[in-house]
Protein backbone atom coordinates (compact mmCIF):
# COMPACT_ATOMS: atom_id res chain seq x y z
CA GLN A 1 0.00 0.00 0.00
CA VAL A 2 2.80 2.42 0.95
CA GLN A 3 5.98 2.30 -1.11
CA LEU A 4 9.38 3.80 -0.27
CA VAL A 5 12.15 4.12 -2.85
CA GLU A 6 15.71 5.13 -1.97
CA SER A 7 18.14 6.68 -4.42
CA GLY A 8 21.47 8.49 -4.44
CA GLY A 9 23.85 5.77 -3.33
CA GLY A 10 27.19 5.22 -4.99
CA LEU A 11 30.95 5.24 -4.62
CA VAL A 12 32.67 8.16 -2.93
CA GLN A 13 36.14 8.87 -1.54
CA ALA A 14 36.75 9.27 2.18
CA GLY A 15 35.98 12.82 3.25
CA GLY A 16 33.44 13.26 0.49
CA SER A 17 29.69 13.77 0.58
CA LEU A 18 26.59 12.02 -0.65
CA ARG A 19 22.88 12.72 -0.39
CA LEU A 20 20.30 9.96 -0.26
CA SER A 21 16.64 10.47 -1.06
CA CYS A 22 13.60 8.46 0.00
CA ALA A 23 10.46 9.03 -2.03
CA ALA A 24 7.17 7.85 -0.57
CA SER A 25 3.95 7.07 -2.39
CA GLY A 26 0.65 5.41 -1.66
CA ARG A 27 -2.24 5.66 0.74
CA SER A 28 -2.17 8.50 3.30
CA ILE A 29 1.09 9.95 1.95
CA GLY A 30 0.94 13.74 1.78
CA ARG A 31 -2.00 14.03 4.16
CA SER A 32 -0.90 11.93 7.10
CA MET A 33 2.79 12.27 7.97
CA TYR A 34 4.91 9.49 9.44
CA ALA A 35 8.10 9.58 11.47
CA MET A 36 10.96 8.36 9.26
CA GLY A 37 14.10 6.45 10.07
CA TRP A 38 17.35 5.78 8.23
CA PHE A 39 19.17 2.50 8.83
CA ARG A 40 22.24 0.83 7.41
CA GLN A 41 23.51 -2.72 7.20
CA ALA A 42 26.98 -3.96 6.35
CA PRO A 43 27.68 -7.60 5.42
CA GLY A 44 27.56 -9.88 8.44
CA THR A 45 26.08 -7.24 10.74
CA GLU A 46 22.66 -6.39 12.10
CA ARG A 47 20.68 -3.49 10.76
CA GLU A 48 21.86 -0.33 12.53
CA PHE A 49 19.97 2.86 13.33
CA VAL A 50 21.48 5.92 11.66
CA GLY A 51 18.95 8.61 12.47
CA GLY A 52 15.33 9.63 12.34
CA ILE A 53 13.06 12.59 11.81
CA SER A 54 9.63 13.36 13.24
CA ARG A 55 6.54 13.48 11.06
CA SER A 56 6.59 17.29 10.92
CA GLY A 57 10.36 17.56 10.52
CA ASP A 58 10.82 19.63 13.67
CA SER A 59 12.83 17.00 15.55
CA THR A 60 15.74 14.71 14.61
CA VAL A 61 17.69 11.95 16.35
CA TYR A 62 21.12 10.60 15.34
CA ALA A 63 23.32 7.70 16.24
CA ASP A 64 26.53 8.72 18.01
CA SER A 65 28.60 7.41 15.13
CA VAL A 66 27.18 9.96 12.68
CA LYS A 67 26.48 13.01 14.84
CA GLY A 68 27.92 16.15 13.32
CA ARG A 69 28.43 14.48 9.94
CA PHE A 70 24.97 13.40 8.78
CA THR A 71 21.84 15.53 8.48
CA ILE A 72 18.29 14.27 8.05
CA SER A 73 15.58 16.45 6.54
CA ARG A 74 12.26 16.05 4.81
CA ASP A 75 10.10 17.85 2.29
CA ASN A 76 6.54 16.82 3.00
CA ALA A 77 5.22 18.66 -0.04
CA LYS A 78 7.28 16.24 -2.14
CA ASP A 79 6.73 13.23 0.16
CA THR A 80 10.50 12.84 0.32
CA ALA A 81 13.03 12.38 3.12
CA TYR A 82 16.77 13.02 2.77
CA LEU A 83 19.98 11.86 4.35
CA GLN A 84 22.88 14.26 3.74
CA MET A 85 26.17 12.53 4.50
CA ASP A 86 29.34 14.59 4.88
CA SER A 87 32.89 13.69 5.96
CA LEU A 88 32.28 10.10 4.93
CA ARG A 89 34.51 7.36 6.28
CA PRO A 90 35.17 3.82 5.03
CA GLU A 91 33.27 2.45 8.02
CA ASP A 92 30.14 4.17 6.68
CA THR A 93 30.09 1.64 3.84
CA ALA A 94 26.78 -0.24 3.94
CA VAL A 95 23.40 -0.65 2.33
CA TYR A 96 21.23 2.23 3.50
CA PHE A 97 17.49 1.87 4.03
CA CYS A 98 14.73 4.33 4.77
CA ALA A 99 11.70 3.33 6.80
CA ALA A 100 8.42 4.81 7.98
CA ARG A 101 6.29 4.17 11.04
CA ALA A 102 2.93 2.60 10.26
CA THR A 103 1.07 4.75 12.81
CA VAL A 104 0.77 8.47 12.14
CA PHE A 105 1.54 9.62 15.69
CA ALA A 106 4.24 7.06 16.48
CA PRO A 107 7.61 8.72 17.29
CA ILE A 108 11.13 8.09 16.03
CA ASP A 109 12.42 4.73 17.24
CA ARG A 110 15.93 3.24 17.14
CA ASP A 111 14.51 -0.28 16.81
CA PRO A 112 14.06 -1.36 13.18
CA ASN A 113 11.19 -3.63 14.24
CA ALA A 114 9.15 -0.52 15.08
CA TYR A 115 8.83 0.46 11.42
CA GLY A 116 6.12 -0.84 9.15
CA TYR A 117 7.35 0.32 5.74
CA TRP A 118 10.78 -0.14 4.16
CA GLY A 119 12.56 0.82 1.00
CA GLN A 120 14.68 -1.58 -1.05
CA GLY A 121 18.00 -0.11 0.08
CA THR A 122 20.80 1.68 -1.75
CA GLN A 123 24.50 0.84 -1.62
CA VAL A 124 26.97 3.39 -0.26
CA THR A 125 30.66 2.60 -0.63
CA VAL A 126 33.38 4.84 0.80
CA SER A 127 36.92 4.24 -0.40
CA SER A 128 40.06 5.19 1.51
């Protein structure tokens, strides 16, 4: 019913920047807003919380590993969330996913199991 599509991944050198986009479509999108989360997963690891943004965009939460380097924003008029990544490091290499809560008033959550909708993921590779 609700579809999320990530884009913007690719190969970048250490210290460089990349911006990921997450476009949402489907029922309730544009009228009812959902808190959004960004997660990443490297081979052999569990899915890791990167950051999240409230349904209105007035509040954000970040993992300690990305604070000061990554910025999450959203444009509700375009039904799109963004992850701006600066000062990238090789350890940031992973598949990045966006996710949305299934309940309109549910807050940002660090637990991936709290999210009802997921994108397909986009690969980010940072070379040294």
